[in-house]
Amino acid sequence: MLVVEADVAEMTMWETSRWLVESGCALALAWGKECEAWREAIEDASLEAVNYEDVPDEQLLITTAHEDEDLSEAFWFARHRAVHPAHELRETLILHIADQPRREELEAEYRDA
C-alpha cells in the first residue's frame, strides 16, 4: 500500500517502483499525490523486469490507483478485496512517502478498515 503525501522526483518514483518489483511485490495499491503516475511506474517496472515479454503468473504484479477515494476506503479495499490469482497475500507493507511521519496513525487506520 503506497501512501503518497509529498512531491517526489520522477527518478525517485522509478527507483522505488523498481525496488518494489525486485522485492517481490505482488499487489501494489497507490493512493495520494500522483497515484496514477505511481501505478503506471510500478506497472512499467514490472514489465521492464521481464524485458517487456509475457509476464508469468508467479511474477504478475497487479497495480491499482485510488485517486478518487479517501484513504480509509483504499485501506478497506486493501484489507478486504485485494486478491492475487497466483499468490496468497499474507503481508501488507504501508510505504508512506511524506514530509512528516504518521506511522501510528496510518497503522491504526489500516487496522480499523
PDB file of N, CA and C in Angstrom:
ATOM      1  N   MET A   1       0.853  -1.163   0.000  1.00  0.00           N
ATOM      2  CA  MET A   1       0.000   0.000   0.000  1.00  0.00           C
ATOM      3  C   MET A   1       0.896   1.221   0.000  1.00  0.00           C
ATOM      4  N   LEU A   2       0.858   1.971  -1.078  1.00  0.00           N
ATOM      5  CA  LEU A   2       1.686   3.153  -1.237  1.00  0.00           C
ATOM      6  C   LEU A   2       0.841   4.384  -0.912  1.00  0.00           C
ATOM      7  N   VAL A   3       1.236   5.106   0.126  1.00  0.00           N
ATOM      8  CA  VAL A   3       0.537   6.316   0.552  1.00  0.00           C
ATOM      9  C   VAL A   3       1.465   7.489   0.270  1.00  0.00           C
ATOM     10  N   VAL A   4       1.121   8.292  -0.741  1.00  0.00           N
ATOM     11  CA  VAL A   4       1.998   9.371  -1.179  1.00  0.00           C
ATOM     12  C   VAL A   4       1.396  10.714  -0.787  1.00  0.00           C
ATOM     13  N   GLU A   5       2.078  11.401   0.116  1.00  0.00           N
ATOM     14  CA  GLU A   5       1.609  12.700   0.584  1.00  0.00           C
ATOM     15  C   GLU A   5       2.622  13.810   0.332  1.00  0.00           C
ATOM     16  N   ALA A   6       3.674  13.510  -0.403  1.00  0.00           N
ATOM     17  CA  ALA A   6       4.702  14.510  -0.712  1.00  0.00           C
ATOM     18  C   ALA A   6       5.033  14.428  -2.202  1.00  0.00           C
ATOM     19  N   ASP A   7       5.542  15.527  -2.719  1.00  0.00           N
ATOM     20  CA  ASP A   7       6.008  15.521  -4.097  1.00  0.00           C
ATOM     21  C   ASP A   7       7.280  14.683  -4.174  1.00  0.00           C
ATOM     22  N   VAL A   8       7.408  13.928  -5.254  1.00  0.00           N
ATOM     23  CA  VAL A   8       8.538  13.011  -5.423  1.00  0.00           C
ATOM     24  C   VAL A   8       9.144  13.235  -6.799  1.00  0.00           C
ATOM     25  N   ALA A   9      10.449  13.292  -6.852  1.00  0.00           N
ATOM     26  CA  ALA A   9      11.133  13.402  -8.141  1.00  0.00           C
ATOM     27  C   ALA A   9      10.835  12.162  -8.977  1.00  0.00           C
ATOM     28  N   GLU A  10      10.713  12.355 -10.268  1.00  0.00           N
ATOM     29  CA  GLU A  10      10.383  11.240 -11.157  1.00  0.00           C
ATOM     30  C   GLU A  10      11.382  10.091 -11.029  1.00  0.00           C
ATOM     31  N   MET A  11      12.667  10.402 -10.914  1.00  0.00           N
ATOM     32  CA  MET A  11      13.685   9.355 -10.775  1.00  0.00           C
ATOM     33  C   MET A  11      13.466   8.557  -9.493  1.00  0.00           C
ATOM     34  N   THR A  12      13.079   9.218  -8.428  1.00  0.00           N
ATOM     35  CA  THR A  12      12.797   8.524  -7.171  1.00  0.00           C
ATOM     36  C   THR A  12      11.597   7.601  -7.334  1.00  0.00           C
ATOM     37  N   MET A  13      10.583   8.071  -8.067  1.00  0.00           N
ATOM     38  CA  MET A  13       9.411   7.238  -8.333  1.00  0.00           C
ATOM     39  C   MET A  13       9.820   5.970  -9.069  1.00  0.00           C
ATOM     40  N   TRP A  14      10.674   6.113 -10.077  1.00  0.00           N
ATOM     41  CA  TRP A  14      11.112   4.958 -10.856  1.00  0.00           C
ATOM     42  C   TRP A  14      11.966   4.008 -10.017  1.00  0.00           C
ATOM     43  N   GLU A  15      12.895   4.560  -9.235  1.00  0.00           N
ATOM     44  CA  GLU A  15      13.751   3.715  -8.395  1.00  0.00           C
ATOM     45  C   GLU A  15      12.922   2.965  -7.354  1.00  0.00           C
ATOM     46  N   THR A  16      11.961   3.631  -6.771  1.00  0.00           N
ATOM     47  CA  THR A  16      11.095   2.984  -5.785  1.00  0.00           C
ATOM     48  C   THR A  16      10.246   1.905  -6.442  1.00  0.00           C
ATOM     49  N   SER A  17       9.739   2.177  -7.610  1.00  0.00           N
ATOM     50  CA  SER A  17       8.932   1.195  -8.343  1.00  0.00           C
ATOM     51  C   SER A  17       9.754  -0.047  -8.664  1.00  0.00           C
ATOM     52  N   ARG A  18      10.982   0.157  -9.111  1.00  0.00           N
ATOM     53  CA  ARG A  18      11.857  -0.990  -9.403  1.00  0.00           C
ATOM     54  C   ARG A  18      12.161  -1.776  -8.125  1.00  0.00           C
ATOM     55  N   TRP A  19      12.376  -1.073  -7.026  1.00  0.00           N
ATOM     56  CA  TRP A  19      12.635  -1.741  -5.747  1.00  0.00           C
ATOM     57  C   TRP A  19      11.440  -2.602  -5.336  1.00  0.00           C
ATOM     58  N   LEU A  20      10.227  -2.080  -5.504  1.00  0.00           N
ATOM     59  CA  LEU A  20       9.037  -2.870  -5.171  1.00  0.00           C
ATOM     60  C   LEU A  20       8.985  -4.155  -5.997  1.00  0.00           C
ATOM     61  N   VAL A  21       9.261  -4.050  -7.280  1.00  0.00           N
ATOM     62  CA  VAL A  21       9.259  -5.222  -8.158  1.00  0.00           C
ATOM     63  C   VAL A  21      10.341  -6.204  -7.731  1.00  0.00           C
ATOM     64  N   GLU A  22      11.556  -5.718  -7.520  1.00  0.00           N
ATOM     65  CA  GLU A  22      12.669  -6.582  -7.119  1.00  0.00           C
ATOM     66  C   GLU A  22      12.422  -7.250  -5.769  1.00  0.00           C
ATOM     67  N   SER A  23      11.640  -6.595  -4.927  1.00  0.00           N
ATOM     68  CA  SER A  23      11.347  -7.127  -3.591  1.00  0.00           C
ATOM     69  C   SER A  23      10.262  -8.195  -3.611  1.00  0.00           C
ATOM     70  N   GLY A  24       9.664  -8.418  -4.772  1.00  0.00           N
ATOM     71  CA  GLY A  24       8.651  -9.459  -4.872  1.00  0.00           C
ATOM     72  C   GLY A  24       7.233  -8.985  -4.620  1.00  0.00           C
ATOM     73  N   CYS A  25       6.997  -7.702  -4.745  1.00  0.00           N
ATOM     74  CA  CYS A  25       5.648  -7.168  -4.562  1.00  0.00           C
ATOM     75  C   CYS A  25       4.698  -7.845  -5.550  1.00  0.00           C
ATOM     76  N   ALA A  26       3.568  -8.324  -5.061  1.00  0.00           N
ATOM     77  CA  ALA A  26       2.596  -8.991  -5.917  1.00  0.00           C
ATOM     78  C   ALA A  26       1.398  -8.095  -6.224  1.00  0.00           C
ATOM     79  N   LEU A  27       1.105  -7.160  -5.331  1.00  0.00           N
ATOM     80  CA  LEU A  27      -0.041  -6.275  -5.497  1.00  0.00           C
ATOM     81  C   LEU A  27       0.320  -4.911  -4.939  1.00  0.00           C
ATOM     82  N   ALA A  28       0.241  -3.889  -5.766  1.00  0.00           N
ATOM     83  CA  ALA A  28       0.583  -2.535  -5.327  1.00  0.00           C
ATOM     84  C   ALA A  28      -0.636  -1.639  -5.475  1.00  0.00           C
ATOM     85  N   LEU A  29      -1.060  -1.064  -4.366  1.00  0.00           N
ATOM     86  CA  LEU A  29      -2.175  -0.131  -4.354  1.00  0.00           C
ATOM     87  C   LEU A  29      -1.607   1.255  -4.073  1.00  0.00           C
ATOM     88  N   ALA A  30      -1.856   2.195  -4.974  1.00  0.00           N
ATOM     89  CA  ALA A  30      -1.324   3.547  -4.825  1.00  0.00           C
ATOM     90  C   ALA A  30      -2.448   4.504  -4.454  1.00  0.00           C
ATOM     91  N   TRP A  31      -2.167   5.344  -3.462  1.00  0.00           N
ATOM     92  CA  TRP A  31      -3.116   6.362  -3.027  1.00  0.00           C
ATOM     93  C   TRP A  31      -2.363   7.658  -2.778  1.00  0.00           C
ATOM     94  N   GLY A  32      -2.976   8.779  -3.098  1.00  0.00           N
ATOM     95  CA  GLY A  32      -2.393  10.075  -2.786  1.00  0.00           C
ATOM     96  C   GLY A  32      -1.917  10.815  -4.017  1.00  0.00           C
ATOM     97  N   LYS A  33      -0.930  11.672  -3.806  1.00  0.00           N
ATOM     98  CA  LYS A  33      -0.415  12.525  -4.881  1.00  0.00           C
ATOM     99  C   LYS A  33       0.111  11.691  -6.037  1.00  0.00           C
ATOM    100  N   GLU A  34      -0.348  12.036  -7.218  1.00  0.00           N
ATOM    101  CA  GLU A  34       0.136  11.388  -8.444  1.00  0.00           C
ATOM    102  C   GLU A  34      -0.004   9.868  -8.405  1.00  0.00           C
ATOM    103  N   CYS A  35      -1.060   9.370  -7.757  1.00  0.00           N
ATOM    104  CA  CYS A  35      -1.158   7.915  -7.590  1.00  0.00           C
ATOM    105  C   CYS A  35      -1.295   7.181  -8.928  1.00  0.00           C
ATOM    106  N   GLU A  36      -1.903   7.804  -9.931  1.00  0.00           N
ATOM    107  CA  GLU A  36      -1.990   7.153 -11.238  1.00  0.00           C
ATOM    108  C   GLU A  36      -0.601   7.066 -11.881  1.00  0.00           C
ATOM    109  N   ALA A  37       0.220   8.081 -11.724  1.00  0.00           N
ATOM    110  CA  ALA A  37       1.598   8.038 -12.235  1.00  0.00           C
ATOM    111  C   ALA A  37       2.390   6.956 -11.504  1.00  0.00           C
ATOM    112  N   TRP A  38       2.166   6.827 -10.195  1.00  0.00           N
ATOM    113  CA  TRP A  38       2.823   5.763  -9.436  1.00  0.00           C
ATOM    114  C   TRP A  38       2.379   4.397  -9.937  1.00  0.00           C
ATOM    115  N   ARG A  39       1.076   4.227 -10.181  1.00  0.00           N
ATOM    116  CA  ARG A  39       0.573   2.944 -10.675  1.00  0.00           C
ATOM    117  C   ARG A  39       1.254   2.598 -11.993  1.00  0.00           C
ATOM    118  N   GLU A  40       1.334   3.566 -12.884  1.00  0.00           N
ATOM    119  CA  GLU A  40       1.971   3.337 -14.189  1.00  0.00           C
ATOM    120  C   GLU A  40       3.459   3.022 -14.044  1.00  0.00           C
ATOM    121  N   ALA A  41       4.149   3.717 -13.157  1.00  0.00           N
ATOM    122  CA  ALA A  41       5.584   3.472 -12.959  1.00  0.00           C
ATOM    123  C   ALA A  41       5.830   2.067 -12.420  1.00  0.00           C
ATOM    124  N   ILE A  42       5.008   1.627 -11.476  1.00  0.00           N
ATOM    125  CA  ILE A  42       5.161   0.280 -10.911  1.00  0.00           C
ATOM    126  C   ILE A  42       4.856  -0.766 -11.971  1.00  0.00           C
ATOM    127  N   GLU A  43       3.799  -0.535 -12.745  1.00  0.00           N
ATOM    128  CA  GLU A  43       3.460  -1.465 -13.819  1.00  0.00           C
ATOM    129  C   GLU A  43       4.582  -1.532 -14.858  1.00  0.00           C
ATOM    130  N   ASP A  44       5.124  -0.388 -15.240  1.00  0.00           N
ATOM    131  CA  ASP A  44       6.232  -0.370 -16.201  1.00  0.00           C
ATOM    132  C   ASP A  44       7.472  -1.067 -15.645  1.00  0.00           C
ATOM    133  N   ALA A  45       7.760  -0.851 -14.363  1.00  0.00           N
ATOM    134  CA  ALA A  45       8.910  -1.527 -13.744  1.00  0.00           C
ATOM    135  C   ALA A  45       8.718  -3.036 -13.760  1.00  0.00           C
ATOM    136  N   SER A  46       7.495  -3.475 -13.577  1.00  0.00           N
ATOM    137  CA  SER A  46       7.186  -4.911 -13.616  1.00  0.00           C
ATOM    138  C   SER A  46       7.433  -5.473 -15.014  1.00  0.00           C
ATOM    139  N   LEU A  47       7.005  -4.742 -16.029  1.00  0.00           N
ATOM    140  CA  LEU A  47       7.240  -5.182 -17.410  1.00  0.00           C
ATOM    141  C   LEU A  47       8.723  -5.129 -17.766  1.00  0.00           C
ATOM    142  N   GLU A  48       9.400  -4.099 -17.300  1.00  0.00           N
ATOM    143  CA  GLU A  48      10.833  -3.973 -17.536  1.00  0.00           C
ATOM    144  C   GLU A  48      11.594  -5.179 -16.969  1.00  0.00           C
ATOM    145  N   ALA A  49      11.136  -5.680 -15.830  1.00  0.00           N
ATOM    146  CA  ALA A  49      11.808  -6.805 -15.165  1.00  0.00           C
ATOM    147  C   ALA A  49      11.764  -8.088 -15.988  1.00  0.00           C
ATOM    148  N   VAL A  50      10.799  -8.178 -16.905  1.00  0.00           N
ATOM    149  CA  VAL A  50      10.711  -9.366 -17.771  1.00  0.00           C
ATOM    150  C   VAL A  50      10.984  -8.984 -19.229  1.00  0.00           C
ATOM    151  N   ASN A  51      11.728  -7.897 -19.415  1.00  0.00           N
ATOM    152  CA  ASN A  51      12.098  -7.426 -20.750  1.00  0.00           C
ATOM    153  C   ASN A  51      10.888  -7.238 -21.667  1.00  0.00           C
ATOM    154  N   TYR A  52       9.792  -6.788 -21.085  1.00  0.00           N
ATOM    155  CA  TYR A  52       8.559  -6.489 -21.819  1.00  0.00           C
ATOM    156  C   TYR A  52       8.003  -7.709 -22.555  1.00  0.00           C
ATOM    157  N   GLU A  53       8.306  -8.877 -22.025  1.00  0.00           N
ATOM    158  CA  GLU A  53       7.743 -10.127 -22.545  1.00  0.00           C
ATOM    159  C   GLU A  53       6.489 -10.458 -21.751  1.00  0.00           C
ATOM    160  N   ASP A  54       5.855 -11.576 -22.069  1.00  0.00           N
ATOM    161  CA  ASP A  54       4.705 -12.013 -21.284  1.00  0.00           C
ATOM    162  C   ASP A  54       5.149 -12.280 -19.858  1.00  0.00           C
ATOM    163  N   VAL A  55       4.350 -11.836 -18.922  1.00  0.00           N
ATOM    164  CA  VAL A  55       4.689 -11.984 -17.508  1.00  0.00           C
ATOM    165  C   VAL A  55       4.119 -13.304 -16.997  1.00  0.00           C
ATOM    166  N   PRO A  56       4.974 -14.187 -16.473  1.00  0.00           N
ATOM    167  CA  PRO A  56       4.472 -15.437 -15.890  1.00  0.00           C
ATOM    168  C   PRO A  56       3.572 -15.118 -14.690  1.00  0.00           C
ATOM    169  N   ASP A  57       2.569 -15.972 -14.453  1.00  0.00           N
ATOM    170  CA  ASP A  57       1.626 -15.740 -13.361  1.00  0.00           C
ATOM    171  C   ASP A  57       2.318 -15.513 -12.028  1.00  0.00           C
ATOM    172  N   GLU A  58       3.383 -16.264 -11.762  1.00  0.00           N
ATOM    173  CA  GLU A  58       4.063 -16.125 -10.469  1.00  0.00           C
ATOM    174  C   GLU A  58       4.804 -14.792 -10.346  1.00  0.00           C
ATOM    175  N   GLN A  59       5.017 -14.073 -11.456  1.00  0.00           N
ATOM    176  CA  GLN A  59       5.665 -12.764 -11.425  1.00  0.00           C
ATOM    177  C   GLN A  59       4.679 -11.622 -11.681  1.00  0.00           C
ATOM    178  N   LEU A  60       3.421 -11.971 -11.864  1.00  0.00           N
ATOM    179  CA  LEU A  60       2.409 -10.962 -12.145  1.00  0.00           C
ATOM    180  C   LEU A  60       2.296  -9.984 -10.986  1.00  0.00           C
ATOM    181  N   LEU A  61       2.369  -8.710 -11.298  1.00  0.00           N
ATOM    182  CA  LEU A  61       2.217  -7.649 -10.309  1.00  0.00           C
ATOM    183  C   LEU A  61       0.960  -6.866 -10.671  1.00  0.00           C
ATOM    184  N   ILE A  62      -0.019  -6.927  -9.810  1.00  0.00           N
ATOM    185  CA  ILE A  62      -1.269  -6.204 -10.020  1.00  0.00           C
ATOM    186  C   ILE A  62      -1.124  -4.824  -9.386  1.00  0.00           C
ATOM    187  N   THR A  63      -1.553  -3.797 -10.124  1.00  0.00           N
ATOM    188  CA  THR A  63      -1.463  -2.433  -9.613  1.00  0.00           C
ATOM    189  C   THR A  63      -2.834  -1.770  -9.665  1.00  0.00           C
ATOM    190  N   THR A  64      -3.123  -0.950  -8.677  1.00  0.00           N
ATOM    191  CA  THR A  64      -4.342  -0.155  -8.674  1.00  0.00           C
ATOM    192  C   THR A  64      -4.018   1.243  -8.170  1.00  0.00           C
ATOM    193  N   ALA A  65      -4.797   2.213  -8.642  1.00  0.00           N
ATOM    194  CA  ALA A  65      -4.681   3.588  -8.166  1.00  0.00           C
ATOM    195  C   ALA A  65      -6.018   3.988  -7.557  1.00  0.00           C
ATOM    196  N   HIS A  66      -5.967   4.665  -6.445  1.00  0.00           N
ATOM    197  CA  HIS A  66      -7.181   5.016  -5.706  1.00  0.00           C
ATOM    198  C   HIS A  66      -7.256   6.533  -5.538  1.00  0.00           C
ATOM    199  N   GLU A  67      -7.252   7.229  -6.674  1.00  0.00           N
ATOM    200  CA  GLU A  67      -7.159   8.684  -6.658  1.00  0.00           C
ATOM    201  C   GLU A  67      -8.434   9.374  -6.209  1.00  0.00           C
ATOM    202  N   ASP A  68      -9.577   8.790  -6.409  1.00  0.00           N
ATOM    203  CA  ASP A  68     -10.841   9.433  -6.056  1.00  0.00           C
ATOM    204  C   ASP A  68     -11.437   8.893  -4.762  1.00  0.00           C
ATOM    205  N   GLU A  69     -10.628   8.246  -3.955  1.00  0.00           N
ATOM    206  CA  GLU A  69     -11.108   7.649  -2.720  1.00  0.00           C
ATOM    207  C   GLU A  69     -10.427   8.284  -1.521  1.00  0.00           C
ATOM    208  N   ASP A  70     -11.119   8.221  -0.390  1.00  0.00           N
ATOM    209  CA  ASP A  70     -10.480   8.579   0.874  1.00  0.00           C
ATOM    210  C   ASP A  70      -9.480   7.484   1.207  1.00  0.00           C
ATOM    211  N   LEU A  71      -8.493   7.804   2.004  1.00  0.00           N
ATOM    212  CA  LEU A  71      -7.503   6.805   2.392  1.00  0.00           C
ATOM    213  C   LEU A  71      -8.161   5.626   3.104  1.00  0.00           C
ATOM    214  N   SER A  72      -9.158   5.900   3.920  1.00  0.00           N
ATOM    215  CA  SER A  72      -9.841   4.815   4.632  1.00  0.00           C
ATOM    216  C   SER A  72     -10.483   3.829   3.658  1.00  0.00           C
ATOM    217  N   GLU A  73     -11.004   4.320   2.539  1.00  0.00           N
ATOM    218  CA  GLU A  73     -11.595   3.441   1.524  1.00  0.00           C
ATOM    219  C   GLU A  73     -10.519   2.594   0.843  1.00  0.00           C
ATOM    220  N   ALA A  74      -9.378   3.196   0.553  1.00  0.00           N
ATOM    221  CA  ALA A  74      -8.282   2.445  -0.062  1.00  0.00           C
ATOM    222  C   ALA A  74      -7.773   1.377   0.895  1.00  0.00           C
ATOM    223  N   PHE A  75      -7.655   1.715   2.178  1.00  0.00           N
ATOM    224  CA  PHE A  75      -7.247   0.724   3.172  1.00  0.00           C
ATOM    225  C   PHE A  75      -8.279  -0.405   3.259  1.00  0.00           C
ATOM    226  N   TRP A  76      -9.559  -0.072   3.221  1.00  0.00           N
ATOM    227  CA  TRP A  76     -10.599  -1.101   3.282  1.00  0.00           C
ATOM    228  C   TRP A  76     -10.447  -2.050   2.092  1.00  0.00           C
ATOM    229  N   PHE A  77     -10.233  -1.491   0.899  1.00  0.00           N
ATOM    230  CA  PHE A  77     -10.036  -2.321  -0.282  1.00  0.00           C
ATOM    231  C   PHE A  77      -8.834  -3.241  -0.088  1.00  0.00           C
ATOM    232  N   ALA A  78      -7.739  -2.687   0.421  1.00  0.00           N
ATOM    233  CA  ALA A  78      -6.525  -3.482   0.624  1.00  0.00           C
ATOM    234  C   ALA A  78      -6.775  -4.633   1.592  1.00  0.00           C
ATOM    235  N   ARG A  79      -7.533  -4.390   2.636  1.00  0.00           N
ATOM    236  CA  ARG A  79      -7.779  -5.430   3.656  1.00  0.00           C
ATOM    237  C   ARG A  79      -8.818  -6.458   3.252  1.00  0.00           C
ATOM    238  N   HIS A  80      -9.834  -6.046   2.482  1.00  0.00           N
ATOM    239  CA  HIS A  80     -10.988  -6.914   2.273  1.00  0.00           C
ATOM    240  C   HIS A  80     -11.239  -7.359   0.840  1.00  0.00           C
ATOM    241  N   ARG A  81     -10.682  -6.689  -0.129  1.00  0.00           N
ATOM    242  CA  ARG A  81     -10.981  -7.027  -1.518  1.00  0.00           C
ATOM    243  C   ARG A  81      -9.751  -7.356  -2.364  1.00  0.00           C
ATOM    244  N   ALA A  82      -8.599  -6.959  -1.945  1.00  0.00           N
ATOM    245  CA  ALA A  82      -7.400  -7.180  -2.752  1.00  0.00           C
ATOM    246  C   ALA A  82      -7.055  -8.668  -2.787  1.00  0.00           C
ATOM    247  N   VAL A  83      -6.943  -9.201  -3.990  1.00  0.00           N
ATOM    248  CA  VAL A  83      -6.568 -10.599  -4.186  1.00  0.00           C
ATOM    249  C   VAL A  83      -5.595 -10.699  -5.358  1.00  0.00           C
ATOM    250  N   HIS A  84      -4.868 -11.778  -5.372  1.00  0.00           N
ATOM    251  CA  HIS A  84      -3.932 -12.054  -6.464  1.00  0.00           C
ATOM    252  C   HIS A  84      -4.205 -13.472  -6.934  1.00  0.00           C
ATOM    253  N   PRO A  85      -4.245 -13.710  -8.249  1.00  0.00           N
ATOM    254  CA  PRO A  85      -4.579 -15.048  -8.744  1.00  0.00           C
ATOM    255  C   PRO A  85      -3.525 -16.117  -8.464  1.00  0.00           C
ATOM    256  N   ALA A  86      -2.276 -15.723  -8.208  1.00  0.00           N
ATOM    257  CA  ALA A  86      -1.218 -16.721  -8.052  1.00  0.00           C
ATOM    258  C   ALA A  86      -0.573 -16.724  -6.666  1.00  0.00           C
ATOM    259  N   HIS A  87      -0.954 -15.782  -5.809  1.00  0.00           N
ATOM    260  CA  HIS A  87      -0.320 -15.675  -4.500  1.00  0.00           C
ATOM    261  C   HIS A  87      -1.350 -15.444  -3.408  1.00  0.00           C
ATOM    262  N   GLU A  88      -1.098 -16.037  -2.263  1.00  0.00           N
ATOM    263  CA  GLU A  88      -1.870 -15.692  -1.082  1.00  0.00           C
ATOM    264  C   GLU A  88      -1.209 -14.447  -0.494  1.00  0.00           C
ATOM    265  N   LEU A  89      -1.989 -13.412  -0.299  1.00  0.00           N
ATOM    266  CA  LEU A  89      -1.449 -12.157   0.230  1.00  0.00           C
ATOM    267  C   LEU A  89      -1.483 -12.220   1.751  1.00  0.00           C
ATOM    268  N   ARG A  90      -0.325 -12.393   2.361  1.00  0.00           N
ATOM    269  CA  ARG A  90      -0.247 -12.568   3.812  1.00  0.00           C
ATOM    270  C   ARG A  90       0.295 -11.352   4.542  1.00  0.00           C
ATOM    271  N   GLU A  91       1.022 -10.511   3.847  1.00  0.00           N
ATOM    272  CA  GLU A  91       1.635  -9.349   4.486  1.00  0.00           C
ATOM    273  C   GLU A  91       1.275  -8.090   3.719  1.00  0.00           C
ATOM    274  N   THR A  92       1.139  -7.004   4.452  1.00  0.00           N
ATOM    275  CA  THR A  92       0.897  -5.705   3.836  1.00  0.00           C
ATOM    276  C   THR A  92       1.972  -4.745   4.314  1.00  0.00           C
ATOM    277  N   LEU A  93       2.617  -4.113   3.370  1.00  0.00           N
ATOM    278  CA  LEU A  93       3.591  -3.074   3.658  1.00  0.00           C
ATOM    279  C   LEU A  93       2.933  -1.750   3.324  1.00  0.00           C
ATOM    280  N   ILE A  94       2.933  -0.832   4.273  1.00  0.00           N
ATOM    281  CA  ILE A  94       2.473   0.520   4.006  1.00  0.00           C
ATOM    282  C   ILE A  94       3.726   1.361   3.788  1.00  0.00           C
ATOM    283  N   LEU A  95       3.915   1.785   2.561  1.00  0.00           N
ATOM    284  CA  LEU A  95       5.050   2.629   2.210  1.00  0.00           C
ATOM    285  C   LEU A  95       4.537   4.062   2.182  1.00  0.00           C
ATOM    286  N   HIS A  96       4.908   4.818   3.178  1.00  0.00           N
ATOM    287  CA  HIS A  96       4.410   6.184   3.353  1.00  0.00           C
ATOM    288  C   HIS A  96       5.478   7.172   2.898  1.00  0.00           C
ATOM    289  N   ILE A  97       5.153   7.945   1.887  1.00  0.00           N
ATOM    290  CA  ILE A  97       6.076   8.946   1.366  1.00  0.00           C
ATOM    291  C   ILE A  97       5.488  10.304   1.719  1.00  0.00           C
ATOM    292  N   ALA A  98       6.132  10.980   2.670  1.00  0.00           N
ATOM    293  CA  ALA A  98       5.591  12.232   3.185  1.00  0.00           C
ATOM    294  C   ALA A  98       6.699  13.073   3.796  1.00  0.00           C
ATOM    295  N   ASP A  99       6.370  14.315   4.046  1.00  0.00           N
ATOM    296  CA  ASP A  99       7.312  15.203   4.715  1.00  0.00           C
ATOM    297  C   ASP A  99       7.355  14.951   6.221  1.00  0.00           C
ATOM    298  N   GLN A 100       6.254  14.474   6.775  1.00  0.00           N
ATOM    299  CA  GLN A 100       6.153  14.196   8.204  1.00  0.00           C
ATOM    300  C   GLN A 100       5.667  12.764   8.410  1.00  0.00           C
ATOM    301  N   PRO A 101       6.289  12.001   9.295  1.00  0.00           N
ATOM    302  CA  PRO A 101       5.843  10.621   9.533  1.00  0.00           C
ATOM    303  C   PRO A 101       4.492  10.587  10.247  1.00  0.00           C
ATOM    304  N   ARG A 102       3.701   9.551   9.931  1.00  0.00           N
ATOM    305  CA  ARG A 102       2.409   9.319  10.590  1.00  0.00           C
ATOM    306  C   ARG A 102       2.212   7.819  10.809  1.00  0.00           C
ATOM    307  N   ARG A 103       3.263   7.118  11.156  1.00  0.00           N
ATOM    308  CA  ARG A 103       3.221   5.664  11.220  1.00  0.00           C
ATOM    309  C   ARG A 103       2.084   5.135  12.082  1.00  0.00           C
ATOM    310  N   GLU A 104       2.010   5.566  13.325  1.00  0.00           N
ATOM    311  CA  GLU A 104       0.995   5.029  14.236  1.00  0.00           C
ATOM    312  C   GLU A 104      -0.409   5.316  13.721  1.00  0.00           C
ATOM    313  N   GLU A 105      -0.622   6.535  13.221  1.00  0.00           N
ATOM    314  CA  GLU A 105      -1.935   6.918  12.696  1.00  0.00           C
ATOM    315  C   GLU A 105      -2.330   6.058  11.495  1.00  0.00           C
ATOM    316  N   LEU A 106      -1.395   5.863  10.562  1.00  0.00           N
ATOM    317  CA  LEU A 106      -1.689   5.056   9.371  1.00  0.00           C
ATOM    318  C   LEU A 106      -1.916   3.595   9.727  1.00  0.00           C
ATOM    319  N   GLU A 107      -1.095   3.055  10.617  1.00  0.00           N
ATOM    320  CA  GLU A 107      -1.283   1.654  11.020  1.00  0.00           C
ATOM    321  C   GLU A 107      -2.627   1.461  11.711  1.00  0.00           C
ATOM    322  N   ALA A 108      -3.041   2.407  12.539  1.00  0.00           N
ATOM    323  CA  ALA A 108      -4.332   2.321  13.215  1.00  0.00           C
ATOM    324  C   ALA A 108      -5.477   2.403  12.205  1.00  0.00           C
ATOM    325  N   GLU A 109      -5.360   3.312  11.243  1.00  0.00           N
ATOM    326  CA  GLU A 109      -6.410   3.447  10.233  1.00  0.00           C
ATOM    327  C   GLU A 109      -6.509   2.187   9.382  1.00  0.00           C
ATOM    328  N   TYR A 110      -5.373   1.567   9.074  1.00  0.00           N
ATOM    329  CA  TYR A 110      -5.384   0.319   8.309  1.00  0.00           C
ATOM    330  C   TYR A 110      -6.041  -0.802   9.117  1.00  0.00           C
ATOM    331  N   ARG A 111      -5.682  -0.923  10.393  1.00  0.00           N
ATOM    332  CA  ARG A 111      -6.293  -1.955  11.238  1.00  0.00           C
ATOM    333  C   ARG A 111      -7.795  -1.791  11.373  1.00  0.00           C
ATOM    334  N   ASP A 112      -8.263  -0.530  11.400  1.00  0.00           N
ATOM    335  CA  ASP A 112      -9.679  -0.253  11.578  1.00  0.00           C
ATOM    336  C   ASP A 112     -10.491  -0.360  10.285  1.00  0.00           C
ATOM    337  N   ALA A 113      -9.819  -0.508   9.160  1.00  0.00           N
ATOM    338  CA  ALA A 113     -10.524  -0.536   7.863  1.00  0.00           C
ATOM    339  C   ALA A 113     -11.372  -1.782   7.733  1.00  0.00           C
TER     340      ALA A 113
END
